[in-house]
Amino acid sequence: MLFWLVTSACSPRWGVQSLAQERKNQSGLTYLALGDSYTVGEGIVKEQSFPYQLTRTLIEEGYSLAPPVVMARTGWTTDELIGALEESLPQEKFDLVTLLIGVNNQFRGYSTEIYRSEFRYLLQRSLRYASDQTACVVVLSIPDWGVTPFARMTGFERGQVSLKIDRFNRINREETELAGVTYIDVTEISRRAAEEPSLIAGDGLHPSESMYRLWVEKILPQARTCLSEK
């Protein structure tokens, strides 16, 4: 499936050790984006992805923010993201962290119980990256790919996909709220693509620049709250 058939946005050994500190020394504030293809910006150029759009908007507003450190790969599940973090990003600190993960757990039919456990671990890891500042971690819900042309062309039933996505999103919302972290629902935005084709990228599956812009509008208030305290 396109969630994992596309090549990585980063090299296997990420080379990001001390990158946050180097960027902080050069440019001020730092931002870590954790996830999968939705964080990579699959189907579009990286500058149109939500981490880059968010960074650009914050810079335009006057924040001294380095380019985002994107720890994400198309196709990753929670366990694969955990493995990459343990290998390549053990002790870094960042001013802002976003986390969006789980669509590939859903697509591969992985256990929701395991997803809860691994998502909880990733959320706690995100908090450590943010120096345990709950205001500086933002979790995004999993988009609903059941409304996409890809789903229709490959025979997936929209309602069934939506039910499964909702099940995983209930888990990540519950864990996020228990941790006192901000939760951003982008799933409803993704469902608008059923009537607004411009919200889907040319690959027929992933968000377009326009959809990511709508996500950024929802993330911005919390990002400002976080970075204004730095």
C-alpha atoms as a PDB file:
ATOM      1  CA  MET A   1       0.000   0.000   0.000  1.00  0.00           C
ATOM      2  CA  LEU A   2       1.063   3.568  -0.613  1.00  0.00           C
ATOM      3  CA  PHE A   3       1.463   4.185   3.113  1.00  0.00           C
ATOM      4  CA  TRP A   4       4.652   2.129   3.006  1.00  0.00           C
ATOM      5  CA  LEU A   5       5.623   1.530  -0.605  1.00  0.00           C
ATOM      6  CA  VAL A   6       7.181   4.957  -1.047  1.00  0.00           C
ATOM      7  CA  THR A   7      10.801   5.561  -0.150  1.00  0.00           C
ATOM      8  CA  SER A   8      11.892   7.108   3.118  1.00  0.00           C
ATOM      9  CA  ALA A   9      12.125  10.828   3.669  1.00  0.00           C
ATOM     10  CA  CYS A  10      15.253  10.288   5.758  1.00  0.00           C
ATOM     11  CA  SER A  11      18.269   8.031   5.703  1.00  0.00           C
ATOM     12  CA  PRO A  12      18.351   4.882   7.872  1.00  0.00           C
ATOM     13  CA  ARG A  13      20.810   6.445  10.293  1.00  0.00           C
ATOM     14  CA  TRP A  14      19.275   9.792  10.782  1.00  0.00           C
ATOM     15  CA  GLY A  15      22.338  11.827  11.709  1.00  0.00           C
ATOM     16  CA  VAL A  16      20.296  13.997  14.051  1.00  0.00           C
ATOM     17  CA  GLN A  17      22.331  13.521  17.224  1.00  0.00           C
ATOM     18  CA  SER A  18      22.949  16.978  18.679  1.00  0.00           C
ATOM     19  CA  LEU A  19      21.130  18.454  15.686  1.00  0.00           C
ATOM     20  CA  ALA A  20      18.595  20.162  17.920  1.00  0.00           C
ATOM     21  CA  GLN A  21      21.320  21.873  19.924  1.00  0.00           C
ATOM     22  CA  GLU A  22      23.211  22.873  16.786  1.00  0.00           C
ATOM     23  CA  ARG A  23      20.077  24.382  15.275  1.00  0.00           C
ATOM     24  CA  LYS A  24      19.161  26.052  18.545  1.00  0.00           C
ATOM     25  CA  ASN A  25      22.598  27.682  18.660  1.00  0.00           C
ATOM     26  CA  GLN A  26      22.192  28.891  15.087  1.00  0.00           C
ATOM     27  CA  SER A  27      18.527  29.818  14.888  1.00  0.00           C
ATOM     28  CA  GLY A  28      16.949  29.829  18.335  1.00  0.00           C
ATOM     29  CA  LEU A  29      13.926  27.581  18.857  1.00  0.00           C
ATOM     30  CA  THR A  30      13.728  23.947  17.765  1.00  0.00           C
ATOM     31  CA  TYR A  31      10.855  21.733  16.591  1.00  0.00           C
ATOM     32  CA  LEU A  32      10.636  17.932  16.367  1.00  0.00           C
ATOM     33  CA  ALA A  33       7.928  16.325  14.189  1.00  0.00           C
ATOM     34  CA  LEU A  34       7.311  12.621  14.871  1.00  0.00           C
ATOM     35  CA  GLY A  35       5.176  10.386  12.686  1.00  0.00           C
ATOM     36  CA  ASP A  36       4.661   8.606   9.391  1.00  0.00           C
ATOM     37  CA  SER A  37       3.713   9.614   5.837  1.00  0.00           C
ATOM     38  CA  TYR A  38       1.366  12.313   7.109  1.00  0.00           C
ATOM     39  CA  THR A  39       4.314  14.037   8.778  1.00  0.00           C
ATOM     40  CA  VAL A  40       6.686  13.408   5.868  1.00  0.00           C
ATOM     41  CA  GLY A  41       4.217  15.041   3.474  1.00  0.00           C
ATOM     42  CA  GLU A  42       4.020  12.069   1.106  1.00  0.00           C
ATOM     43  CA  GLY A  43       2.762  12.998  -2.351  1.00  0.00           C
ATOM     44  CA  ILE A  44       3.927  16.625  -2.155  1.00  0.00           C
ATOM     45  CA  VAL A  45       7.224  18.443  -1.693  1.00  0.00           C
ATOM     46  CA  LYS A  46       8.421  18.612   1.906  1.00  0.00           C
ATOM     47  CA  GLU A  47       8.043  22.391   2.089  1.00  0.00           C
ATOM     48  CA  GLN A  48       4.276  21.876   1.714  1.00  0.00           C
ATOM     49  CA  SER A  49       4.054  19.396   4.607  1.00  0.00           C
ATOM     50  CA  PHE A  50       2.512  20.560   7.851  1.00  0.00           C
ATOM     51  CA  PRO A  51       5.804  20.694   9.832  1.00  0.00           C
ATOM     52  CA  TYR A  52       7.361  23.005   7.246  1.00  0.00           C
ATOM     53  CA  GLN A  53       4.218  25.108   6.827  1.00  0.00           C
ATOM     54  CA  LEU A  54       3.961  25.460  10.607  1.00  0.00           C
ATOM     55  CA  THR A  55       7.604  26.474  10.879  1.00  0.00           C
ATOM     56  CA  ARG A  56       7.313  28.983   8.053  1.00  0.00           C
ATOM     57  CA  THR A  57       4.197  30.571   9.544  1.00  0.00           C
ATOM     58  CA  LEU A  58       5.789  30.898  12.979  1.00  0.00           C
ATOM     59  CA  ILE A  59       8.893  32.488  11.466  1.00  0.00           C
ATOM     60  CA  GLU A  60       6.682  34.957   9.598  1.00  0.00           C
ATOM     61  CA  GLU A  61       5.094  35.805  12.942  1.00  0.00           C
ATOM     62  CA  GLY A  62       8.490  36.639  14.391  1.00  0.00           C
ATOM     63  CA  TYR A  63       9.552  33.451  16.154  1.00  0.00           C
ATOM     64  CA  SER A  64      13.207  32.481  15.750  1.00  0.00           C
ATOM     65  CA  LEU A  65      12.636  28.875  14.726  1.00  0.00           C
ATOM     66  CA  ALA A  66      15.076  26.463  13.095  1.00  0.00           C
ATOM     67  CA  PRO A  67      13.959  24.136  10.274  1.00  0.00           C
ATOM     68  CA  PRO A  68      12.006  21.201  11.720  1.00  0.00           C
ATOM     69  CA  VAL A  69      13.692  17.939  12.633  1.00  0.00           C
ATOM     70  CA  VAL A  70      11.380  15.406  10.962  1.00  0.00           C
ATOM     71  CA  MET A  71      11.629  11.918  12.442  1.00  0.00           C
ATOM     72  CA  ALA A  72       9.095  10.187  10.224  1.00  0.00           C
ATOM     73  CA  ARG A  73       8.908   7.675   7.418  1.00  0.00           C
ATOM     74  CA  THR A  74       6.160   6.540   5.096  1.00  0.00           C
ATOM     75  CA  GLY A  75       4.722   3.271   6.386  1.00  0.00           C
ATOM     76  CA  TRP A  76       5.895   3.492   9.959  1.00  0.00           C
ATOM     77  CA  THR A  77       3.855   1.954  12.750  1.00  0.00           C
ATOM     78  CA  THR A  78       4.262   2.870  16.409  1.00  0.00           C
ATOM     79  CA  ASP A  79       6.874   0.171  17.010  1.00  0.00           C
ATOM     80  CA  GLU A  80       8.950   1.281  14.023  1.00  0.00           C
ATOM     81  CA  LEU A  81       8.948   4.881  15.216  1.00  0.00           C
ATOM     82  CA  ILE A  82       9.988   3.697  18.674  1.00  0.00           C
ATOM     83  CA  GLY A  83      12.860   1.724  17.166  1.00  0.00           C
ATOM     84  CA  ALA A  84      14.105   4.714  15.194  1.00  0.00           C
ATOM     85  CA  LEU A  85      13.996   6.976  18.239  1.00  0.00           C
ATOM     86  CA  GLU A  86      15.880   4.506  20.392  1.00  0.00           C
ATOM     87  CA  GLU A  87      18.556   4.160  17.728  1.00  0.00           C
ATOM     88  CA  SER A  88      19.039   7.735  16.664  1.00  0.00           C
ATOM     89  CA  LEU A  89      17.460  10.287  18.986  1.00  0.00           C
ATOM     90  CA  PRO A  90      17.847   9.170  22.599  1.00  0.00           C
ATOM     91  CA  GLN A  91      18.595  12.331  24.586  1.00  0.00           C
ATOM     92  CA  GLU A  92      17.745  15.396  22.522  1.00  0.00           C
ATOM     93  CA  LYS A  93      15.625  18.301  23.793  1.00  0.00           C
ATOM     94  CA  PHE A  94      13.296  20.408  21.642  1.00  0.00           C
ATOM     95  CA  ASP A  95      11.136  23.452  22.228  1.00  0.00           C
ATOM     96  CA  LEU A  96       8.093  22.051  20.377  1.00  0.00           C
ATOM     97  CA  VAL A  97       7.102  18.464  19.519  1.00  0.00           C
ATOM     98  CA  THR A  98       4.257  17.124  17.371  1.00  0.00           C
ATOM     99  CA  LEU A  99       3.176  13.481  17.249  1.00  0.00           C
ATOM    100  CA  LEU A 100       0.941  11.832  14.635  1.00  0.00           C
ATOM    101  CA  ILE A 101       1.128   8.043  14.365  1.00  0.00           C
ATOM    102  CA  GLY A 102      -1.181   5.056  13.955  1.00  0.00           C
ATOM    103  CA  VAL A 103      -2.606   4.827  10.446  1.00  0.00           C
ATOM    104  CA  ASN A 104      -0.295   1.956   9.538  1.00  0.00           C
ATOM    105  CA  ASN A 105      -1.178   0.107  12.748  1.00  0.00           C
ATOM    106  CA  GLN A 106      -4.793   0.363  11.606  1.00  0.00           C
ATOM    107  CA  PHE A 107      -4.078  -0.596   7.999  1.00  0.00           C
ATOM    108  CA  ARG A 108      -2.032  -3.659   8.934  1.00  0.00           C
ATOM    109  CA  GLY A 109      -4.665  -4.832  11.389  1.00  0.00           C
ATOM    110  CA  TYR A 110      -2.469  -4.469  14.446  1.00  0.00           C
ATOM    111  CA  SER A 111      -3.882  -4.830  17.933  1.00  0.00           C
ATOM    112  CA  THR A 112      -5.489  -1.765  19.490  1.00  0.00           C
ATOM    113  CA  GLU A 113      -4.142  -2.874  22.871  1.00  0.00           C
ATOM    114  CA  ILE A 114      -0.583  -2.819  21.555  1.00  0.00           C
ATOM    115  CA  TYR A 115      -1.270   0.515  19.882  1.00  0.00           C
ATOM    116  CA  ARG A 116      -2.392   1.983  23.196  1.00  0.00           C
ATOM    117  CA  SER A 117       0.738   0.782  24.967  1.00  0.00           C
ATOM    118  CA  GLU A 118       3.119   1.942  22.252  1.00  0.00           C
ATOM    119  CA  PHE A 119       1.333   5.251  21.721  1.00  0.00           C
ATOM    120  CA  ARG A 120       1.505   5.917  25.461  1.00  0.00           C
ATOM    121  CA  TYR A 121       5.248   5.248  25.333  1.00  0.00           C
ATOM    122  CA  LEU A 122       5.690   7.605  22.370  1.00  0.00           C
ATOM    123  CA  LEU A 123       3.685  10.299  24.116  1.00  0.00           C
ATOM    124  CA  GLN A 124       5.862  10.034  27.213  1.00  0.00           C
ATOM    125  CA  ARG A 125       8.926  10.092  24.986  1.00  0.00           C
ATOM    126  CA  SER A 126       7.593  13.229  23.296  1.00  0.00           C
ATOM    127  CA  LEU A 127       7.175  14.865  26.691  1.00  0.00           C
ATOM    128  CA  ARG A 128      10.773  14.059  27.584  1.00  0.00           C
ATOM    129  CA  TYR A 129      11.932  15.631  24.329  1.00  0.00           C
ATOM    130  CA  ALA A 130       9.949  18.728  25.345  1.00  0.00           C
ATOM    131  CA  SER A 131      11.513  18.783  28.847  1.00  0.00           C
ATOM    132  CA  ASP A 132       8.190  17.575  30.306  1.00  0.00           C
ATOM    133  CA  GLN A 133       6.384  20.741  29.267  1.00  0.00           C
ATOM    134  CA  THR A 134       2.891  19.536  28.417  1.00  0.00           C
ATOM    135  CA  ALA A 135       2.112  22.822  26.648  1.00  0.00           C
ATOM    136  CA  CYS A 136       4.857  22.099  24.132  1.00  0.00           C
ATOM    137  CA  VAL A 137       3.662  18.705  22.881  1.00  0.00           C
ATOM    138  CA  VAL A 138       0.841  18.546  20.325  1.00  0.00           C
ATOM    139  CA  VAL A 139      -0.817  15.285  19.256  1.00  0.00           C
ATOM    140  CA  LEU A 140      -2.720  15.112  15.966  1.00  0.00           C
ATOM    141  CA  SER A 141      -5.470  12.584  15.287  1.00  0.00           C
ATOM    142  CA  ILE A 142      -5.192  10.028  12.485  1.00  0.00           C
ATOM    143  CA  PRO A 143      -6.739  11.244   9.195  1.00  0.00           C
ATOM    144  CA  ASP A 144      -9.462   9.158   7.560  1.00  0.00           C
ATOM    145  CA  TRP A 145      -8.067   7.755   4.324  1.00  0.00           C
ATOM    146  CA  GLY A 146     -11.361   5.961   3.648  1.00  0.00           C
ATOM    147  CA  VAL A 147     -12.647   9.038   1.795  1.00  0.00           C
ATOM    148  CA  THR A 148      -9.741   9.093  -0.673  1.00  0.00           C
ATOM    149  CA  PRO A 149      -9.692   8.046  -4.342  1.00  0.00           C
ATOM    150  CA  PHE A 150      -7.108   5.418  -3.383  1.00  0.00           C
ATOM    151  CA  ALA A 151      -9.581   3.746  -1.028  1.00  0.00           C
ATOM    152  CA  ARG A 152     -12.314   3.723  -3.675  1.00  0.00           C
ATOM    153  CA  MET A 153     -10.045   2.376  -6.415  1.00  0.00           C
ATOM    154  CA  THR A 154      -8.684  -0.420  -4.234  1.00  0.00           C
ATOM    155  CA  GLY A 155     -12.053  -1.582  -2.937  1.00  0.00           C
ATOM    156  CA  PHE A 156     -11.949  -0.400   0.663  1.00  0.00           C
ATOM    157  CA  GLU A 157     -15.362   0.365   2.115  1.00  0.00           C
ATOM    158  CA  ARG A 158     -15.438   3.921   3.412  1.00  0.00           C
ATOM    159  CA  GLY A 159     -17.620   3.245   6.436  1.00  0.00           C
ATOM    160  CA  GLN A 160     -15.480   0.373   7.661  1.00  0.00           C
ATOM    161  CA  VAL A 161     -12.284   2.374   7.336  1.00  0.00           C
ATOM    162  CA  SER A 162     -13.874   5.262   9.229  1.00  0.00           C
ATOM    163  CA  LEU A 163     -14.963   2.992  12.079  1.00  0.00           C
ATOM    164  CA  LYS A 164     -11.458   1.588  12.441  1.00  0.00           C
ATOM    165  CA  ILE A 165      -9.847   5.028  12.301  1.00  0.00           C
ATOM    166  CA  ASP A 166     -12.268   6.238  14.974  1.00  0.00           C
ATOM    167  CA  ARG A 167     -11.333   3.294  17.182  1.00  0.00           C
ATOM    168  CA  PHE A 168      -7.638   4.155  17.033  1.00  0.00           C
ATOM    169  CA  ASN A 169      -8.360   7.837  17.523  1.00  0.00           C
ATOM    170  CA  ARG A 170     -10.359   7.142  20.677  1.00  0.00           C
ATOM    171  CA  ILE A 171      -7.243   5.524  22.070  1.00  0.00           C
ATOM    172  CA  ASN A 172      -4.816   8.287  21.184  1.00  0.00           C
ATOM    173  CA  ARG A 173      -7.245  10.950  22.409  1.00  0.00           C
ATOM    174  CA  GLU A 174      -7.740   9.189  25.746  1.00  0.00           C
ATOM    175  CA  GLU A 175      -4.005   8.804  26.300  1.00  0.00           C
ATOM    176  CA  THR A 176      -3.317  12.392  25.252  1.00  0.00           C
ATOM    177  CA  GLU A 177      -5.941  13.823  27.578  1.00  0.00           C
ATOM    178  CA  LEU A 178      -4.701  11.675  30.476  1.00  0.00           C
ATOM    179  CA  ALA A 179      -1.230  13.136  29.935  1.00  0.00           C
ATOM    180  CA  GLY A 180      -2.569  16.696  29.906  1.00  0.00           C
ATOM    181  CA  VAL A 181      -1.325  17.294  26.366  1.00  0.00           C
ATOM    182  CA  THR A 182      -3.078  19.235  23.586  1.00  0.00           C
ATOM    183  CA  TYR A 183      -5.017  17.074  21.111  1.00  0.00           C
ATOM    184  CA  ILE A 184      -5.800  18.388  17.626  1.00  0.00           C
ATOM    185  CA  ASP A 185      -8.572  16.676  15.650  1.00  0.00           C
ATOM    186  CA  VAL A 186      -7.614  16.725  11.973  1.00  0.00           C
ATOM    187  CA  THR A 187      -9.794  13.722  11.125  1.00  0.00           C
ATOM    188  CA  GLU A 188     -12.860  15.828  10.442  1.00  0.00           C
ATOM    189  CA  ILE A 189     -10.808  18.031   8.124  1.00  0.00           C
ATOM    190  CA  SER A 190      -9.612  14.930   6.266  1.00  0.00           C
ATOM    191  CA  ARG A 191     -13.208  13.775   5.779  1.00  0.00           C
ATOM    192  CA  ARG A 192     -14.033  16.973   3.944  1.00  0.00           C
ATOM    193  CA  ALA A 193     -11.943  15.581   1.088  1.00  0.00           C
ATOM    194  CA  ALA A 194     -14.942  13.468   0.078  1.00  0.00           C
ATOM    195  CA  GLU A 195     -16.510  16.678  -1.247  1.00  0.00           C
ATOM    196  CA  GLU A 196     -13.350  18.768  -1.688  1.00  0.00           C
ATOM    197  CA  PRO A 197     -10.907  16.913  -3.975  1.00  0.00           C
ATOM    198  CA  SER A 198      -8.361  19.729  -3.706  1.00  0.00           C
ATOM    199  CA  LEU A 199      -7.613  18.534  -0.176  1.00  0.00           C
ATOM    200  CA  ILE A 200      -5.978  15.367  -1.553  1.00  0.00           C
ATOM    201  CA  ALA A 201      -2.501  15.215  -3.083  1.00  0.00           C
ATOM    202  CA  GLY A 202      -1.851  13.946  -6.590  1.00  0.00           C
ATOM    203  CA  ASP A 203      -1.218  10.406  -5.337  1.00  0.00           C
ATOM    204  CA  GLY A 204      -4.916  10.112  -4.463  1.00  0.00           C
ATOM    205  CA  LEU A 205      -4.222   9.198  -0.849  1.00  0.00           C
ATOM    206  CA  HIS A 206      -2.322  11.765   1.174  1.00  0.00           C
ATOM    207  CA  PRO A 207      -3.217  15.344   2.154  1.00  0.00           C
ATOM    208  CA  SER A 208      -2.480  18.207  -0.199  1.00  0.00           C
ATOM    209  CA  GLU A 209      -0.769  21.443   0.728  1.00  0.00           C
ATOM    210  CA  SER A 210      -4.242  22.942   1.165  1.00  0.00           C
ATOM    211  CA  MET A 211      -5.304  20.354   3.726  1.00  0.00           C
ATOM    212  CA  TYR A 212      -2.055  20.733   5.635  1.00  0.00           C
ATOM    213  CA  ARG A 213      -2.667  24.476   5.753  1.00  0.00           C
ATOM    214  CA  LEU A 214      -5.943  23.792   7.558  1.00  0.00           C
ATOM    215  CA  TRP A 215      -4.099  21.580  10.021  1.00  0.00           C
ATOM    216  CA  VAL A 216      -1.563  24.300  10.687  1.00  0.00           C
ATOM    217  CA  GLU A 217      -4.326  26.767  11.488  1.00  0.00           C
ATOM    218  CA  LYS A 218      -5.483  24.404  14.241  1.00  0.00           C
ATOM    219  CA  ILE A 219      -1.964  23.777  15.593  1.00  0.00           C
ATOM    220  CA  LEU A 220      -0.863  27.418  15.638  1.00  0.00           C
ATOM    221  CA  PRO A 221      -2.626  28.591  18.831  1.00  0.00           C
ATOM    222  CA  GLN A 222      -0.943  25.937  20.973  1.00  0.00           C
ATOM    223  CA  ALA A 223       2.405  26.371  19.208  1.00  0.00           C
ATOM    224  CA  ARG A 224       2.270  30.085  19.987  1.00  0.00           C
ATOM    225  CA  THR A 225       1.389  29.387  23.616  1.00  0.00           C
ATOM    226  CA  CYS A 226       4.366  27.067  23.915  1.00  0.00           C
ATOM    227  CA  LEU A 227       6.966  29.177  22.134  1.00  0.00           C
ATOM    228  CA  SER A 228       5.912  32.458  23.715  1.00  0.00           C
ATOM    229  CA  GLU A 229       7.175  31.089  27.033  1.00  0.00           C
ATOM    230  CA  LYS A 230      10.649  30.329  25.663  1.00  0.00           C
END
